[in-house]
Protein backbone atom coordinates (compact mmCIF):
# COMPACT_ATOMS: atom_id res chain seq x y z
CA MET A 1 8.45 45.38 7.19
CA GLU A 2 8.58 42.12 9.11
CA LYS A 3 8.00 38.88 7.25
CA ALA A 4 5.11 37.97 9.58
CA GLU A 5 3.29 41.13 8.51
CA ILE A 6 3.87 40.31 4.84
CA ILE A 7 2.48 36.81 5.39
CA ARG A 8 -0.59 38.22 7.14
CA ILE A 9 -1.31 40.70 4.34
CA VAL A 10 -0.74 38.18 1.54
CA ASN A 11 -2.89 35.52 3.20
CA SER A 12 -5.62 38.07 3.79
CA PHE A 13 -5.85 39.20 0.17
CA LEU A 14 -5.68 35.61 -1.10
CA ILE A 15 -8.70 34.76 1.02
CA GLU A 16 -10.64 37.96 0.32
CA GLU A 17 -9.78 38.74 -3.31
CA PHE A 18 -9.18 35.28 -4.75
CA GLU A 19 -11.50 33.26 -2.49
CA VAL A 20 -8.73 30.83 -1.54
CA GLU A 21 -9.87 28.55 1.27
CA GLU A 22 -7.99 29.40 4.45
CA GLU A 23 -7.06 25.77 5.17
CA LYS A 24 -5.23 25.58 1.82
CA ILE A 25 -2.92 28.44 2.74
CA GLU A 26 0.40 27.02 3.88
CA PRO A 27 3.96 27.93 2.89
CA SER A 28 4.45 24.82 0.73
CA ALA A 29 1.22 25.38 -1.24
CA ASN A 30 1.77 25.65 -5.00
CA LEU A 31 0.18 28.88 -6.23
CA LYS A 32 -1.25 27.35 -9.40
CA ASN A 33 -1.97 23.75 -8.49
CA ASP A 34 -2.99 24.07 -4.83
CA LEU A 35 -4.43 27.59 -4.68
CA GLY A 36 -5.83 27.88 -8.21
CA ILE A 37 -4.00 31.12 -9.03
CA ASP A 38 -3.82 31.47 -12.82
CA SER A 39 -1.85 33.81 -15.07
CA LEU A 40 -4.62 36.43 -15.11
CA ASP A 41 -4.69 36.40 -11.31
CA PHE A 42 -0.98 37.29 -11.28
CA VAL A 43 -1.83 40.61 -12.94
CA ASP A 44 -4.27 41.38 -10.13
CA ILE A 45 -1.74 40.22 -7.56
CA ALA A 46 0.86 42.62 -8.97
CA VAL A 47 -1.60 45.52 -8.52
CA ILE A 48 -2.45 44.42 -4.97
CA ILE A 49 1.25 44.09 -4.08
CA GLU A 50 1.94 47.59 -5.36
CA LYS A 51 -1.03 48.97 -3.42
CA ASN A 52 -0.16 47.20 -0.15
CA PHE A 53 3.62 47.26 -0.23
CA GLY A 54 4.53 50.03 -2.69
CA SER A 55 6.66 47.58 -4.67
CA LYS A 56 6.17 46.99 -8.40
CA ILE A 57 6.42 43.44 -9.72
CA LYS A 58 7.18 42.61 -13.33
CA GLY A 59 5.73 39.49 -14.92
CA GLU A 60 9.13 38.00 -15.58
CA GLU A 61 9.96 38.28 -11.86
CA MET A 62 7.01 36.02 -11.02
CA VAL A 63 8.28 33.17 -13.23
CA GLY A 64 10.38 31.54 -10.50
CA ILE A 65 7.69 31.85 -7.85
CA LYS A 66 6.03 28.47 -7.43
CA THR A 67 5.02 28.21 -3.78
CA LEU A 68 3.45 30.57 -1.32
CA ASP A 69 6.72 30.63 0.63
CA ASP A 70 8.56 31.68 -2.56
CA PHE A 71 6.04 34.50 -2.86
CA TYR A 72 6.47 35.65 0.76
CA ASN A 73 10.27 35.60 0.34
CA PHE A 74 10.10 37.51 -2.97
CA ILE A 75 8.08 40.31 -1.39
CA TYR A 76 10.28 40.38 1.72
CA GLN A 77 13.45 40.64 -0.39
CA SER A 78 12.00 43.31 -2.67
CA LEU A 79 11.16 45.45 0.37
CA ASN A 80 14.46 45.01 2.20
């Protein structure tokens, strides 16, 4: 899967499922501080990632993910 497609899917579910304002979505955005994603949201995100990409994410794998770009790259690497 191309990275652009991953970005599109991730941005879409952030807007729809987590009600993140579209103008806040940029690669450098901090998931917690800028987008308001909390630890409970990460559980939901893991389920959405598995559903959309077929890739399972463990909680400890999310520890190093701080920005939206980190998140895009994590998904891209786990799929390729």
